[in-house]
Amino acid sequence: MPITTQEQARAIASTLSEAGPIAEFAAGSTPGCFARLRLALADMRRESLATEAVLNMPDGPDDPLMERGKEEMAEITSAITTLLAWTEDQPCQVESCDCRADRLLRQLLKEARVPEQTGYSAELGRNSCVIAGHFEPDPGERTAYVLIEHRNHIDHPVRAHRGWRARLVTADGVTPLYEAPGYPTAPVSSYDEDTRACVRTVAAALART
């Protein structure tokens, strides 16, 4: 059953761990950023799935204790998966958020059904932007995509936000499309609004091309 309240989430967390970010959350601490909690749950889910796989290996006659162990592990894996899904949707406090800067951007592009991929800069030697649209169009299609650049680095945490800038690339050239108010020193507090405004502008521009 999906989690709908933080109390339900804490109840599940309290059954999973006696230490670390999961236990801290279960004890009542609400993180400013959910990244550490998600990572801990993802690690626990990998371990749980591995244990399930071992238990499900054919090893001779049915054993009632082994069957009960399989059921318990399936219940644990289900609880971890449900809690992990809940944390994925929880908003962080932007001033302390360690999530990647492009996390919300990619989520919103996906919801808008805009294809996206990471753009790598050989000159900088790092991932430098998000490419929205069809970077390599099918034969007969027009070249039209948007380069969305983060002021710092798309791998940087949200708390380092300084604004998004988007440029439309077509066969006719490169056209400025969006720039965060205050760019390149947009305030961190504007991260959510800035990201949503950028995606709206990008999706509308691509729909017109």
Protein backbone atom coordinates (compact mmCIF):
# COMPACT_ATOMS: atom_id res chain seq x y z
CA MET A 1 0.00 0.00 0.00
CA PRO A 2 1.45 3.43 -0.92
CA ILE A 3 2.62 5.68 1.90
CA THR A 4 0.49 8.81 2.24
CA THR A 5 1.77 10.34 5.50
CA GLN A 6 5.13 10.87 7.16
CA GLU A 7 3.89 8.89 10.18
CA GLN A 8 3.37 5.84 7.95
CA ALA A 9 6.86 6.31 6.51
CA ARG A 10 8.40 6.49 10.00
CA ALA A 11 6.53 3.35 11.06
CA ILE A 12 8.05 1.40 8.17
CA ALA A 13 11.52 2.88 8.78
CA SER A 14 11.40 1.84 12.44
CA THR A 15 11.16 -1.82 11.41
CA LEU A 16 14.16 -1.70 9.08
CA SER A 17 17.23 -0.35 10.85
CA GLU A 18 18.72 0.42 14.26
CA ALA A 19 21.40 2.83 13.01
CA GLY A 20 22.15 5.43 10.35
CA PRO A 21 19.82 7.76 8.43
CA ILE A 22 16.93 5.27 8.39
CA ALA A 23 16.93 5.05 12.19
CA GLU A 24 17.35 8.83 12.49
CA PHE A 25 14.27 9.32 10.34
CA ALA A 26 12.30 6.69 12.28
CA ALA A 27 13.20 8.46 15.54
CA GLY A 28 11.60 11.68 14.36
CA SER A 29 14.33 13.55 12.54
CA THR A 30 13.11 14.94 9.20
CA PRO A 31 16.12 15.48 6.93
CA GLY A 32 16.64 18.78 5.17
CA CYS A 33 17.73 16.63 2.24
CA PHE A 34 16.49 13.08 1.62
CA ALA A 35 19.57 12.00 -0.37
CA ARG A 36 21.30 10.11 2.50
CA LEU A 37 18.05 8.36 3.41
CA ARG A 38 17.46 7.33 -0.22
CA LEU A 39 21.03 6.00 -0.54
CA ALA A 40 20.69 3.99 2.68
CA LEU A 41 17.39 2.52 1.52
CA ALA A 42 18.80 1.73 -1.93
CA ASP A 43 21.73 -0.14 -0.33
CA MET A 44 19.35 -2.04 1.95
CA ARG A 45 17.12 -2.92 -1.00
CA ARG A 46 20.09 -4.35 -2.93
CA GLU A 47 21.02 -6.50 0.08
CA SER A 48 17.43 -7.62 0.51
CA LEU A 49 17.07 -8.60 -3.15
CA ALA A 50 20.37 -10.51 -3.00
CA THR A 51 19.17 -12.42 0.07
CA GLU A 52 15.87 -13.18 -1.67
CA ALA A 53 17.77 -14.54 -4.67
CA VAL A 54 19.83 -16.86 -2.45
CA LEU A 55 16.75 -18.10 -0.61
CA ASN A 56 14.99 -18.80 -3.91
CA MET A 57 17.78 -21.00 -5.28
CA PRO A 58 16.69 -24.65 -5.63
CA ASP A 59 18.30 -26.55 -2.76
CA GLY A 60 16.42 -29.79 -2.37
CA PRO A 61 13.19 -30.70 -0.56
CA ASP A 62 10.83 -28.01 0.68
CA ASP A 63 11.73 -26.74 4.13
CA PRO A 64 8.99 -24.96 6.15
CA LEU A 65 11.55 -22.68 7.80
CA MET A 66 13.07 -21.81 4.43
CA GLU A 67 9.64 -21.03 3.01
CA ARG A 68 8.87 -18.79 5.97
CA GLY A 69 12.23 -17.07 5.43
CA LYS A 70 11.31 -16.39 1.81
CA GLU A 71 8.01 -14.84 2.87
CA GLU A 72 9.71 -12.62 5.46
CA MET A 73 12.33 -11.40 3.00
CA ALA A 74 9.64 -10.64 0.43
CA GLU A 75 7.82 -8.56 3.07
CA ILE A 76 11.02 -6.70 3.96
CA THR A 77 11.86 -5.99 0.32
CA SER A 78 8.32 -4.71 -0.26
CA ALA A 79 8.55 -2.39 2.77
CA ILE A 80 11.92 -1.00 1.65
CA THR A 81 10.67 -0.47 -1.91
CA THR A 82 7.56 1.35 -0.70
CA LEU A 83 9.56 3.63 1.61
CA LEU A 84 12.15 4.32 -1.09
CA ALA A 85 9.40 5.32 -3.52
CA TRP A 86 8.00 7.70 -0.90
CA THR A 87 11.37 9.38 -0.32
CA GLU A 88 11.79 9.93 -4.06
CA ASP A 89 8.85 12.35 -4.02
CA GLN A 90 9.75 14.27 -0.85
CA PRO A 91 10.80 17.90 -1.28
CA CYS A 92 14.09 18.94 0.29
CA GLN A 93 15.05 22.23 1.90
CA VAL A 94 16.96 23.77 -0.99
CA GLU A 95 19.50 25.55 1.21
CA SER A 96 20.71 22.18 2.56
CA CYS A 97 19.84 19.88 -0.35
CA ASP A 98 22.64 17.57 -1.57
CA CYS A 99 20.58 16.15 -4.45
CA ARG A 100 21.97 16.72 -7.94
CA ALA A 101 20.94 20.07 -9.39
CA ASP A 102 19.39 18.39 -12.45
CA ARG A 103 17.23 15.95 -10.47
CA LEU A 104 14.04 18.05 -10.55
CA LEU A 105 14.78 19.31 -14.06
CA ARG A 106 14.90 15.77 -15.48
CA GLN A 107 11.80 14.74 -13.56
CA LEU A 108 9.83 17.68 -14.97
CA LEU A 109 11.10 17.07 -18.50
CA LYS A 110 9.99 13.44 -18.21
CA GLU A 111 6.53 14.54 -17.02
CA ALA A 112 6.35 16.93 -19.98
CA ARG A 113 7.34 14.02 -22.28
CA VAL A 114 10.44 15.83 -23.46
CA PRO A 115 13.34 13.44 -24.18
CA GLU A 116 16.56 14.37 -22.42
CA GLN A 117 20.15 13.23 -22.10
CA THR A 118 23.35 14.40 -20.47
CA GLY A 119 25.63 16.62 -22.51
CA TYR A 120 29.36 16.02 -22.04
CA SER A 121 31.96 18.71 -22.68
CA ALA A 122 35.31 17.40 -23.87
CA GLU A 123 36.77 20.86 -23.27
CA LEU A 124 35.68 20.95 -19.63
CA GLY A 125 36.12 17.22 -19.12
CA ARG A 126 32.77 16.83 -17.37
CA ASN A 127 29.02 16.63 -17.86
CA SER A 128 28.14 20.21 -18.66
CA CYS A 129 24.44 20.38 -19.51
CA VAL A 130 21.16 18.59 -20.11
CA ILE A 131 20.13 18.22 -23.75
CA ALA A 132 16.35 18.37 -24.18
CA GLY A 133 14.71 17.26 -27.42
CA HIS A 134 16.12 15.13 -30.22
CA PHE A 135 19.87 15.67 -30.33
CA GLU A 136 20.16 13.26 -33.27
CA PRO A 137 16.92 13.59 -35.26
CA ASP A 138 15.61 10.83 -37.52
CA PRO A 139 16.11 11.24 -41.27
CA GLY A 140 13.80 13.92 -42.59
CA GLU A 141 13.31 15.56 -39.19
CA ARG A 142 14.58 19.06 -38.40
CA THR A 143 17.41 19.50 -35.92
CA ALA A 144 15.89 21.09 -32.84
CA TYR A 145 17.10 20.64 -29.29
CA VAL A 146 17.78 22.75 -26.23
CA LEU A 147 20.99 23.00 -24.22
CA ILE A 148 20.10 23.54 -20.56
CA GLU A 149 23.10 24.64 -18.55
CA HIS A 150 23.46 24.99 -14.79
CA ARG A 151 25.49 27.96 -13.63
CA ASN A 152 27.80 25.70 -11.63
CA HIS A 153 27.61 22.08 -12.77
CA ILE A 154 24.62 19.76 -13.24
CA ASP A 155 26.26 17.28 -10.83
CA HIS A 156 26.51 19.94 -8.11
CA PRO A 157 24.01 19.88 -5.23
CA VAL A 158 20.89 22.02 -5.26
CA ARG A 159 22.31 24.18 -2.45
CA ALA A 160 24.89 25.49 -4.96
CA HIS A 161 22.18 26.65 -7.37
CA ARG A 162 22.87 29.88 -9.25
CA GLY A 163 20.36 29.54 -12.07
CA TRP A 164 19.49 27.76 -15.32
CA ARG A 165 20.19 28.99 -18.84
CA ALA A 166 18.65 27.39 -21.94
CA ARG A 167 19.54 27.88 -25.60
CA LEU A 168 17.58 26.53 -28.58
CA VAL A 169 19.69 24.89 -31.30
CA THR A 170 18.25 24.51 -34.80
CA ALA A 171 19.61 24.33 -38.34
CA ASP A 172 19.33 28.13 -38.36
CA GLY A 173 21.65 28.59 -35.40
CA VAL A 174 21.57 29.06 -31.63
CA THR A 175 18.89 31.21 -29.96
CA PRO A 176 18.78 32.25 -26.27
CA LEU A 177 15.61 30.74 -24.82
CA TYR A 178 15.61 31.09 -21.05
CA GLU A 179 17.77 32.62 -18.35
CA ALA A 180 17.04 32.58 -14.63
CA PRO A 181 16.27 35.96 -13.08
CA GLY A 182 19.57 37.10 -11.58
CA TYR A 183 21.64 34.64 -13.60
CA PRO A 184 24.50 33.90 -13.03
CA THR A 185 23.81 34.64 -9.37
CA ALA A 186 20.18 33.51 -9.01
CA PRO A 187 19.34 32.85 -5.34
CA VAL A 188 19.14 29.27 -4.11
CA SER A 189 15.63 29.96 -2.81
CA SER A 190 14.44 30.38 -6.43
CA TYR A 191 15.56 26.86 -7.42
CA ASP A 192 12.12 25.26 -7.63
CA GLU A 193 10.43 28.18 -9.39
CA ASP A 194 13.42 28.67 -11.70
CA THR A 195 13.52 24.99 -12.68
CA ARG A 196 9.80 24.81 -13.41
CA ALA A 197 9.88 28.03 -15.45
CA CYS A 198 12.84 26.73 -17.45
CA VAL A 199 11.08 23.45 -18.27
CA ARG A 200 7.85 25.21 -19.27
CA THR A 201 9.78 27.45 -21.65
CA VAL A 202 11.79 24.56 -23.09
CA ALA A 203 8.75 22.32 -23.61
CA ALA A 204 6.82 25.12 -25.32
CA ALA A 205 9.73 25.99 -27.62
CA LEU A 206 10.25 22.39 -28.69
CA ALA A 207 6.52 21.95 -29.31
CA ARG A 208 6.67 24.85 -31.78
CA THR A 209 9.62 23.52 -33.78
